[in-house]
Amino acid sequence: MQAADPRIGDVRWPGAMVAVEIVDPTTGAPDAATTKAVASAAHAAGLIVLTCGSHGNVLRLLPPLAIPGLLLDEALDVLAEVIASTR
């Protein structure tokens, strides 16, 4: 996902929690508006994604530890589609 979209900045995963930073692709500045739009679209698609970070530009994913691999793949596919469609 990160290689396909220049708006995805840093991706961090301390354990099961994943943080996906959304930035302006030109300046690298935090993009809270796009982050909020992605979270809203993800929710509409049935995926719960939280926003966080000092600048409000981080998507936080915290799947259950016992999530089946296929379900995790499906969730990440939904997230990728939502990010791609939020321009």
PDB file of N, CA and C in Angstrom:
ATOM      1  N   MET A   1       0.826  -1.184   0.000  1.00  0.00           N
ATOM      2  CA  MET A   1       0.000   0.000   0.000  1.00  0.00           C
ATOM      3  C   MET A   1       0.876   1.256   0.000  1.00  0.00           C
ATOM      4  N   GLN A   2       1.892   1.269   0.829  1.00  0.00           N
ATOM      5  CA  GLN A   2       2.744   2.447   0.969  1.00  0.00           C
ATOM      6  C   GLN A   2       3.465   2.767  -0.342  1.00  0.00           C
ATOM      7  N   ALA A   3       3.930   1.759  -1.048  1.00  0.00           N
ATOM      8  CA  ALA A   3       4.645   1.984  -2.305  1.00  0.00           C
ATOM      9  C   ALA A   3       3.713   2.488  -3.403  1.00  0.00           C
ATOM     10  N   ALA A   4       2.430   2.177  -3.296  1.00  0.00           N
ATOM     11  CA  ALA A   4       1.466   2.541  -4.337  1.00  0.00           C
ATOM     12  C   ALA A   4       0.883   3.937  -4.172  1.00  0.00           C
ATOM     13  N   ASP A   5       1.015   4.541  -3.005  1.00  0.00           N
ATOM     14  CA  ASP A   5       0.372   5.835  -2.761  1.00  0.00           C
ATOM     15  C   ASP A   5       1.329   6.763  -2.020  1.00  0.00           C
ATOM     16  N   PRO A   6       1.743   7.866  -2.651  1.00  0.00           N
ATOM     17  CA  PRO A   6       2.698   8.775  -2.015  1.00  0.00           C
ATOM     18  C   PRO A   6       2.131   9.533  -0.816  1.00  0.00           C
ATOM     19  N   ARG A   7       0.814   9.429  -0.586  1.00  0.00           N
ATOM     20  CA  ARG A   7       0.220  10.088   0.581  1.00  0.00           C
ATOM     21  C   ARG A   7       0.441   9.294   1.853  1.00  0.00           C
ATOM     22  N   ILE A   8       0.862   8.056   1.720  1.00  0.00           N
ATOM     23  CA  ILE A   8       1.141   7.241   2.902  1.00  0.00           C
ATOM     24  C   ILE A   8       2.585   7.497   3.313  1.00  0.00           C
ATOM     25  N   GLY A   9       2.742   8.116   4.469  1.00  0.00           N
ATOM     26  CA  GLY A   9       4.071   8.419   4.985  1.00  0.00           C
ATOM     27  C   GLY A   9       4.607   7.247   5.775  1.00  0.00           C
ATOM     28  N   ASP A  10       4.923   7.491   7.005  1.00  0.00           N
ATOM     29  CA  ASP A  10       5.484   6.467   7.878  1.00  0.00           C
ATOM     30  C   ASP A  10       4.417   5.442   8.250  1.00  0.00           C
ATOM     31  N   VAL A  11       4.812   4.182   8.318  1.00  0.00           N
ATOM     32  CA  VAL A  11       3.938   3.107   8.798  1.00  0.00           C
ATOM     33  C   VAL A  11       4.661   2.458   9.967  1.00  0.00           C
ATOM     34  N   ARG A  12       3.996   2.438  11.111  1.00  0.00           N
ATOM     35  CA  ARG A  12       4.607   1.885  12.331  1.00  0.00           C
ATOM     36  C   ARG A  12       3.714   0.769  12.866  1.00  0.00           C
ATOM     37  N   TRP A  13       4.321  -0.260  13.411  1.00  0.00           N
ATOM     38  CA  TRP A  13       3.540  -1.342  14.002  1.00  0.00           C
ATOM     39  C   TRP A  13       4.193  -1.850  15.273  1.00  0.00           C
ATOM     40  N   PRO A  14       3.894  -1.163  16.383  1.00  0.00           N
ATOM     41  CA  PRO A  14       4.385  -1.658  17.679  1.00  0.00           C
ATOM     42  C   PRO A  14       3.483  -2.795  18.163  1.00  0.00           C
ATOM     43  N   GLY A  15       3.828  -4.003  17.807  1.00  0.00           N
ATOM     44  CA  GLY A  15       2.973  -5.134  18.156  1.00  0.00           C
ATOM     45  C   GLY A  15       1.819  -5.236  17.177  1.00  0.00           C
ATOM     46  N   ALA A  16       0.620  -5.480  17.699  1.00  0.00           N
ATOM     47  CA  ALA A  16      -0.548  -5.662  16.838  1.00  0.00           C
ATOM     48  C   ALA A  16      -1.136  -4.339  16.360  1.00  0.00           C
ATOM     49  N   MET A  17      -0.787  -3.238  17.000  1.00  0.00           N
ATOM     50  CA  MET A  17      -1.325  -1.937  16.607  1.00  0.00           C
ATOM     51  C   MET A  17      -0.493  -1.373  15.455  1.00  0.00           C
ATOM     52  N   VAL A  18      -1.204  -0.893  14.420  1.00  0.00           N
ATOM     53  CA  VAL A  18      -0.534  -0.332  13.251  1.00  0.00           C
ATOM     54  C   VAL A  18      -0.923   1.130  13.116  1.00  0.00           C
ATOM     55  N   ALA A  19       0.054   1.983  12.844  1.00  0.00           N
ATOM     56  CA  ALA A  19      -0.187   3.404  12.610  1.00  0.00           C
ATOM     57  C   ALA A  19       0.232   3.723  11.183  1.00  0.00           C
ATOM     58  N   VAL A  20      -0.690   4.327  10.421  1.00  0.00           N
ATOM     59  CA  VAL A  20      -0.429   4.701   9.035  1.00  0.00           C
ATOM     60  C   VAL A  20      -0.534   6.219   8.947  1.00  0.00           C
ATOM     61  N   GLU A  21       0.583   6.869   8.679  1.00  0.00           N
ATOM     62  CA  GLU A  21       0.617   8.322   8.615  1.00  0.00           C
ATOM     63  C   GLU A  21       0.200   8.785   7.220  1.00  0.00           C
ATOM     64  N   ILE A  22      -0.727   9.752   7.154  1.00  0.00           N
ATOM     65  CA  ILE A  22      -1.181  10.319   5.888  1.00  0.00           C
ATOM     66  C   ILE A  22      -0.574  11.718   5.755  1.00  0.00           C
ATOM     67  N   VAL A  23       0.113  11.945   4.641  1.00  0.00           N
ATOM     68  CA  VAL A  23       0.808  13.214   4.434  1.00  0.00           C
ATOM     69  C   VAL A  23       0.476  13.789   3.058  1.00  0.00           C
ATOM     70  N   ASP A  24       0.752  15.073   2.901  1.00  0.00           N
ATOM     71  CA  ASP A  24       0.650  15.711   1.594  1.00  0.00           C
ATOM     72  C   ASP A  24       1.795  15.160   0.748  1.00  0.00           C
ATOM     73  N   PRO A  25       1.505  14.595  -0.430  1.00  0.00           N
ATOM     74  CA  PRO A  25       2.570  13.968  -1.214  1.00  0.00           C
ATOM     75  C   PRO A  25       3.621  14.945  -1.733  1.00  0.00           C
ATOM     76  N   THR A  26       3.263  16.212  -1.836  1.00  0.00           N
ATOM     77  CA  THR A  26       4.198  17.210  -2.344  1.00  0.00           C
ATOM     78  C   THR A  26       5.127  17.734  -1.260  1.00  0.00           C
ATOM     79  N   THR A  27       4.542  18.057  -0.109  1.00  0.00           N
ATOM     80  CA  THR A  27       5.324  18.695   0.953  1.00  0.00           C
ATOM     81  C   THR A  27       5.730  17.745   2.073  1.00  0.00           C
ATOM     82  N   GLY A  28       5.024  16.635   2.208  1.00  0.00           N
ATOM     83  CA  GLY A  28       5.275  15.726   3.322  1.00  0.00           C
ATOM     84  C   GLY A  28       4.639  16.187   4.618  1.00  0.00           C
ATOM     85  N   ALA A  29       3.864  17.282   4.547  1.00  0.00           N
ATOM     86  CA  ALA A  29       3.197  17.818   5.741  1.00  0.00           C
ATOM     87  C   ALA A  29       2.030  16.917   6.144  1.00  0.00           C
ATOM     88  N   PRO A  30       1.718  16.841   7.427  1.00  0.00           N
ATOM     89  CA  PRO A  30       0.576  16.050   7.888  1.00  0.00           C
ATOM     90  C   PRO A  30      -0.709  16.491   7.189  1.00  0.00           C
ATOM     91  N   ASP A  31      -1.544  15.517   6.813  1.00  0.00           N
ATOM     92  CA  ASP A  31      -2.792  15.808   6.106  1.00  0.00           C
ATOM     93  C   ASP A  31      -3.976  15.268   6.905  1.00  0.00           C
ATOM     94  N   ALA A  32      -4.409  16.053   7.879  1.00  0.00           N
ATOM     95  CA  ALA A  32      -5.505  15.636   8.761  1.00  0.00           C
ATOM     96  C   ALA A  32      -6.827  15.531   8.017  1.00  0.00           C
ATOM     97  N   ALA A  33      -7.062  16.395   7.028  1.00  0.00           N
ATOM     98  CA  ALA A  33      -8.335  16.373   6.297  1.00  0.00           C
ATOM     99  C   ALA A  33      -8.502  15.059   5.534  1.00  0.00           C
ATOM    100  N   THR A  34      -7.457  14.625   4.850  1.00  0.00           N
ATOM    101  CA  THR A  34      -7.536  13.354   4.124  1.00  0.00           C
ATOM    102  C   THR A  34      -7.656  12.191   5.096  1.00  0.00           C
ATOM    103  N   THR A  35      -6.953  12.270   6.206  1.00  0.00           N
ATOM    104  CA  THR A  35      -7.025  11.215   7.217  1.00  0.00           C
ATOM    105  C   THR A  35      -8.452  11.060   7.724  1.00  0.00           C
ATOM    106  N   LYS A  36      -9.104  12.175   8.006  1.00  0.00           N
ATOM    107  CA  LYS A  36     -10.486  12.141   8.478  1.00  0.00           C
ATOM    108  C   LYS A  36     -11.408  11.575   7.401  1.00  0.00           C
ATOM    109  N   ALA A  37     -11.195  11.963   6.151  1.00  0.00           N
ATOM    110  CA  ALA A  37     -12.018  11.460   5.047  1.00  0.00           C
ATOM    111  C   ALA A  37     -11.835   9.959   4.861  1.00  0.00           C
ATOM    112  N   VAL A  38     -10.600   9.477   4.983  1.00  0.00           N
ATOM    113  CA  VAL A  38     -10.330   8.043   4.860  1.00  0.00           C
ATOM    114  C   VAL A  38     -11.012   7.281   5.990  1.00  0.00           C
ATOM    115  N   ALA A  39     -10.904   7.774   7.212  1.00  0.00           N
ATOM    116  CA  ALA A  39     -11.534   7.101   8.355  1.00  0.00           C
ATOM    117  C   ALA A  39     -13.044   7.044   8.182  1.00  0.00           C
ATOM    118  N   SER A  40     -13.638   8.121   7.697  1.00  0.00           N
ATOM    119  CA  SER A  40     -15.085   8.162   7.484  1.00  0.00           C
ATOM    120  C   SER A  40     -15.504   7.182   6.388  1.00  0.00           C
ATOM    121  N   ALA A  41     -14.763   7.163   5.286  1.00  0.00           N
ATOM    122  CA  ALA A  41     -15.074   6.243   4.193  1.00  0.00           C
ATOM    123  C   ALA A  41     -14.862   4.791   4.614  1.00  0.00           C
ATOM    124  N   ALA A  42     -13.840   4.549   5.415  1.00  0.00           N
ATOM    125  CA  ALA A  42     -13.595   3.191   5.913  1.00  0.00           C
ATOM    126  C   ALA A  42     -14.761   2.730   6.780  1.00  0.00           C
ATOM    127  N   HIS A  43     -15.233   3.613   7.640  1.00  0.00           N
ATOM    128  CA  HIS A  43     -16.367   3.278   8.497  1.00  0.00           C
ATOM    129  C   HIS A  43     -17.594   2.954   7.650  1.00  0.00           C
ATOM    130  N   ALA A  44     -17.830   3.740   6.604  1.00  0.00           N
ATOM    131  CA  ALA A  44     -18.969   3.496   5.709  1.00  0.00           C
ATOM    132  C   ALA A  44     -18.835   2.149   5.002  1.00  0.00           C
ATOM    133  N   ALA A  45     -17.593   1.695   4.803  1.00  0.00           N
ATOM    134  CA  ALA A  45     -17.341   0.409   4.159  1.00  0.00           C
ATOM    135  C   ALA A  45     -17.304  -0.743   5.160  1.00  0.00           C
ATOM    136  N   GLY A  46     -17.565  -0.445   6.438  1.00  0.00           N
ATOM    137  CA  GLY A  46     -17.619  -1.490   7.453  1.00  0.00           C
ATOM    138  C   GLY A  46     -16.318  -1.748   8.183  1.00  0.00           C
ATOM    139  N   LEU A  47     -15.355  -0.849   8.050  1.00  0.00           N
ATOM    140  CA  LEU A  47     -14.049  -1.025   8.683  1.00  0.00           C
ATOM    141  C   LEU A  47     -13.846   0.074   9.721  1.00  0.00           C
ATOM    142  N   ILE A  48     -13.587  -0.312  10.947  1.00  0.00           N
ATOM    143  CA  ILE A  48     -13.367   0.668  12.007  1.00  0.00           C
ATOM    144  C   ILE A  48     -11.891   1.055  12.014  1.00  0.00           C
ATOM    145  N   VAL A  49     -11.643   2.332  11.747  1.00  0.00           N
ATOM    146  CA  VAL A  49     -10.294   2.886  11.740  1.00  0.00           C
ATOM    147  C   VAL A  49     -10.330   4.139  12.603  1.00  0.00           C
ATOM    148  N   LEU A  50      -9.404   4.248  13.523  1.00  0.00           N
ATOM    149  CA  LEU A  50      -9.342   5.424  14.389  1.00  0.00           C
ATOM    150  C   LEU A  50      -8.326   6.414  13.840  1.00  0.00           C
ATOM    151  N   THR A  51      -8.535   7.692  14.143  1.00  0.00           N
ATOM    152  CA  THR A  51      -7.526   8.694  13.810  1.00  0.00           C
ATOM    153  C   THR A  51      -6.829   9.111  15.097  1.00  0.00           C
ATOM    154  N   CYS A  52      -5.569   9.449  14.984  1.00  0.00           N
ATOM    155  CA  CYS A  52      -4.806   9.862  16.156  1.00  0.00           C
ATOM    156  C   CYS A  52      -3.595  10.657  15.699  1.00  0.00           C
ATOM    157  N   GLY A  53      -2.714  10.946  16.609  1.00  0.00           N
ATOM    158  CA  GLY A  53      -1.492  11.676  16.299  1.00  0.00           C
ATOM    159  C   GLY A  53      -1.602  13.142  16.663  1.00  0.00           C
ATOM    160  N   SER A  54      -0.483  13.768  16.878  1.00  0.00           N
ATOM    161  CA  SER A  54      -0.426  15.178  17.264  1.00  0.00           C
ATOM    162  C   SER A  54      -1.087  16.086  16.246  1.00  0.00           C
ATOM    163  N   HIS A  55      -1.013  15.697  14.976  1.00  0.00           N
ATOM    164  CA  HIS A  55      -1.564  16.517  13.903  1.00  0.00           C
ATOM    165  C   HIS A  55      -2.857  15.934  13.342  1.00  0.00           C
ATOM    166  N   GLY A  56      -3.348  14.832  13.921  1.00  0.00           N
ATOM    167  CA  GLY A  56      -4.584  14.207  13.454  1.00  0.00           C
ATOM    168  C   GLY A  56      -4.447  13.540  12.101  1.00  0.00           C
ATOM    169  N   ASN A  57      -3.233  13.163  11.728  1.00  0.00           N
ATOM    170  CA  ASN A  57      -3.009  12.592  10.401  1.00  0.00           C
ATOM    171  C   ASN A  57      -2.570  11.128  10.424  1.00  0.00           C
ATOM    172  N   VAL A  58      -2.920  10.429  11.484  1.00  0.00           N
ATOM    173  CA  VAL A  58      -2.515   9.033  11.607  1.00  0.00           C
ATOM    174  C   VAL A  58      -3.760   8.156  11.715  1.00  0.00           C
ATOM    175  N   LEU A  59      -3.795   7.114  10.889  1.00  0.00           N
ATOM    176  CA  LEU A  59      -4.835   6.097  10.989  1.00  0.00           C
ATOM    177  C   LEU A  59      -4.302   5.011  11.913  1.00  0.00           C
ATOM    178  N   ARG A  60      -5.121   4.619  12.867  1.00  0.00           N
ATOM    179  CA  ARG A  60      -4.695   3.582  13.808  1.00  0.00           C
ATOM    180  C   ARG A  60      -5.548   2.344  13.588  1.00  0.00           C
ATOM    181  N   LEU A  61      -4.885   1.223  13.387  1.00  0.00           N
ATOM    182  CA  LEU A  61      -5.545  -0.065  13.201  1.00  0.00           C
ATOM    183  C   LEU A  61      -5.167  -0.948  14.379  1.00  0.00           C
ATOM    184  N   LEU A  62      -6.148  -1.554  14.977  1.00  0.00           N
ATOM    185  CA  LEU A  62      -5.888  -2.427  16.118  1.00  0.00           C
ATOM    186  C   LEU A  62      -6.778  -3.663  16.006  1.00  0.00           C
ATOM    187  N   PRO A  63      -6.398  -4.595  15.124  1.00  0.00           N
ATOM    188  CA  PRO A  63      -7.211  -5.797  14.952  1.00  0.00           C
ATOM    189  C   PRO A  63      -7.075  -6.723  16.162  1.00  0.00           C
ATOM    190  N   PRO A  64      -8.068  -7.577  16.370  1.00  0.00           N
ATOM    191  CA  PRO A  64      -7.960  -8.552  17.457  1.00  0.00           C
ATOM    192  C   PRO A  64      -6.744  -9.463  17.235  1.00  0.00           C
ATOM    193  N   LEU A  65      -6.133  -9.884  18.299  1.00  0.00           N
ATOM    194  CA  LEU A  65      -4.968 -10.760  18.178  1.00  0.00           C
ATOM    195  C   LEU A  65      -5.316 -12.087  17.514  1.00  0.00           C
ATOM    196  N   ALA A  66      -6.560 -12.516  17.638  1.00  0.00           N
ATOM    197  CA  ALA A  66      -6.974 -13.800  17.079  1.00  0.00           C
ATOM    198  C   ALA A  66      -7.647 -13.657  15.713  1.00  0.00           C
ATOM    199  N   ILE A  67      -7.432 -12.545  15.011  1.00  0.00           N
ATOM    200  CA  ILE A  67      -8.083 -12.343  13.719  1.00  0.00           C
ATOM    201  C   ILE A  67      -7.546 -13.357  12.705  1.00  0.00           C
ATOM    202  N   PRO A  68      -8.442 -14.027  11.975  1.00  0.00           N
ATOM    203  CA  PRO A  68      -7.976 -14.951  10.937  1.00  0.00           C
ATOM    204  C   PRO A  68      -7.267 -14.178   9.818  1.00  0.00           C
ATOM    205  N   GLY A  69      -6.265 -14.778   9.235  1.00  0.00           N
ATOM    206  CA  GLY A  69      -5.486 -14.131   8.186  1.00  0.00           C
ATOM    207  C   GLY A  69      -6.325 -13.633   7.025  1.00  0.00           C
ATOM    208  N   LEU A  70      -7.323 -14.422   6.607  1.00  0.00           N
ATOM    209  CA  LEU A  70      -8.166 -14.009   5.485  1.00  0.00           C
ATOM    210  C   LEU A  70      -8.970 -12.763   5.822  1.00  0.00           C
ATOM    211  N   LEU A  71      -9.438 -12.666   7.051  1.00  0.00           N
ATOM    212  CA  LEU A  71     -10.201 -11.491   7.465  1.00  0.00           C
ATOM    213  C   LEU A  71      -9.294 -10.258   7.536  1.00  0.00           C
ATOM    214  N   LEU A  72      -8.080 -10.437   8.004  1.00  0.00           N
ATOM    215  CA  LEU A  72      -7.123  -9.332   8.034  1.00  0.00           C
ATOM    216  C   LEU A  72      -6.801  -8.866   6.614  1.00  0.00           C
ATOM    217  N   ASP A  73      -6.603  -9.816   5.704  1.00  0.00           N
ATOM    218  CA  ASP A  73      -6.353  -9.463   4.300  1.00  0.00           C
ATOM    219  C   ASP A  73      -7.519  -8.676   3.720  1.00  0.00           C
ATOM    220  N   GLU A  74      -8.740  -9.107   4.031  1.00  0.00           N
ATOM    221  CA  GLU A  74      -9.933  -8.418   3.543  1.00  0.00           C
ATOM    222  C   GLU A  74      -9.989  -6.988   4.088  1.00  0.00           C
ATOM    223  N   ALA A  75      -9.692  -6.829   5.368  1.00  0.00           N
ATOM    224  CA  ALA A  75      -9.707  -5.496   5.979  1.00  0.00           C
ATOM    225  C   ALA A  75      -8.664  -4.589   5.335  1.00  0.00           C
ATOM    226  N   LEU A  76      -7.480  -5.120   5.076  1.00  0.00           N
ATOM    227  CA  LEU A  76      -6.432  -4.317   4.448  1.00  0.00           C
ATOM    228  C   LEU A  76      -6.782  -3.976   3.004  1.00  0.00           C
ATOM    229  N   ASP A  77      -7.470  -4.890   2.316  1.00  0.00           N
ATOM    230  CA  ASP A  77      -7.942  -4.594   0.958  1.00  0.00           C
ATOM    231  C   ASP A  77      -8.949  -3.452   0.978  1.00  0.00           C
ATOM    232  N   VAL A  78      -9.870  -3.488   1.940  1.00  0.00           N
ATOM    233  CA  VAL A  78     -10.857  -2.410   2.075  1.00  0.00           C
ATOM    234  C   VAL A  78     -10.140  -1.095   2.351  1.00  0.00           C
ATOM    235  N   LEU A  79      -9.180  -1.115   3.256  1.00  0.00           N
ATOM    236  CA  LEU A  79      -8.441   0.105   3.579  1.00  0.00           C
ATOM    237  C   LEU A  79      -7.707   0.640   2.351  1.00  0.00           C
ATOM    238  N   ALA A  80      -7.069  -0.233   1.591  1.00  0.00           N
ATOM    239  CA  ALA A  80      -6.353   0.195   0.385  1.00  0.00           C
ATOM    240  C   ALA A  80      -7.313   0.821  -0.624  1.00  0.00           C
ATOM    241  N   GLU A  81      -8.485   0.213  -0.801  1.00  0.00           N
ATOM    242  CA  GLU A  81      -9.483   0.756  -1.728  1.00  0.00           C
ATOM    243  C   GLU A  81      -9.975   2.115  -1.263  1.00  0.00           C
ATOM    244  N   VAL A  82     -10.212   2.236   0.031  1.00  0.00           N
ATOM    245  CA  VAL A  82     -10.706   3.503   0.582  1.00  0.00           C
ATOM    246  C   VAL A  82      -9.660   4.603   0.420  1.00  0.00           C
ATOM    247  N   ILE A  83      -8.413   4.290   0.719  1.00  0.00           N
ATOM    248  CA  ILE A  83      -7.354   5.295   0.567  1.00  0.00           C
ATOM    249  C   ILE A  83      -7.231   5.708  -0.900  1.00  0.00           C
ATOM    250  N   ALA A  84      -7.258   4.736  -1.803  1.00  0.00           N
ATOM    251  CA  ALA A  84      -7.134   5.045  -3.231  1.00  0.00           C
ATOM    252  C   ALA A  84      -8.296   5.895  -3.736  1.00  0.00           C
ATOM    253  N   SER A  85      -9.485   5.667  -3.192  1.00  0.00           N
ATOM    254  CA  SER A  85     -10.663   6.406  -3.668  1.00  0.00           C
ATOM    255  C   SER A  85     -10.815   7.774  -3.010  1.00  0.00           C
ATOM    256  N   THR A  86     -10.053   8.033  -1.967  1.00  0.00           N
ATOM    257  CA  THR A  86     -10.131   9.318  -1.262  1.00  0.00           C
ATOM    258  C   THR A  86      -9.024  10.218  -1.787  1.00  0.00           C
ATOM    259  N   ARG A  87      -9.368  11.020  -2.741  1.00  0.00           N
ATOM    260  CA  ARG A  87      -8.372  11.916  -3.368  1.00  0.00           C
ATOM    261  C   ARG A  87      -8.784  13.344  -3.181  1.00  0.00           C
TER     262      ARG A  87
END
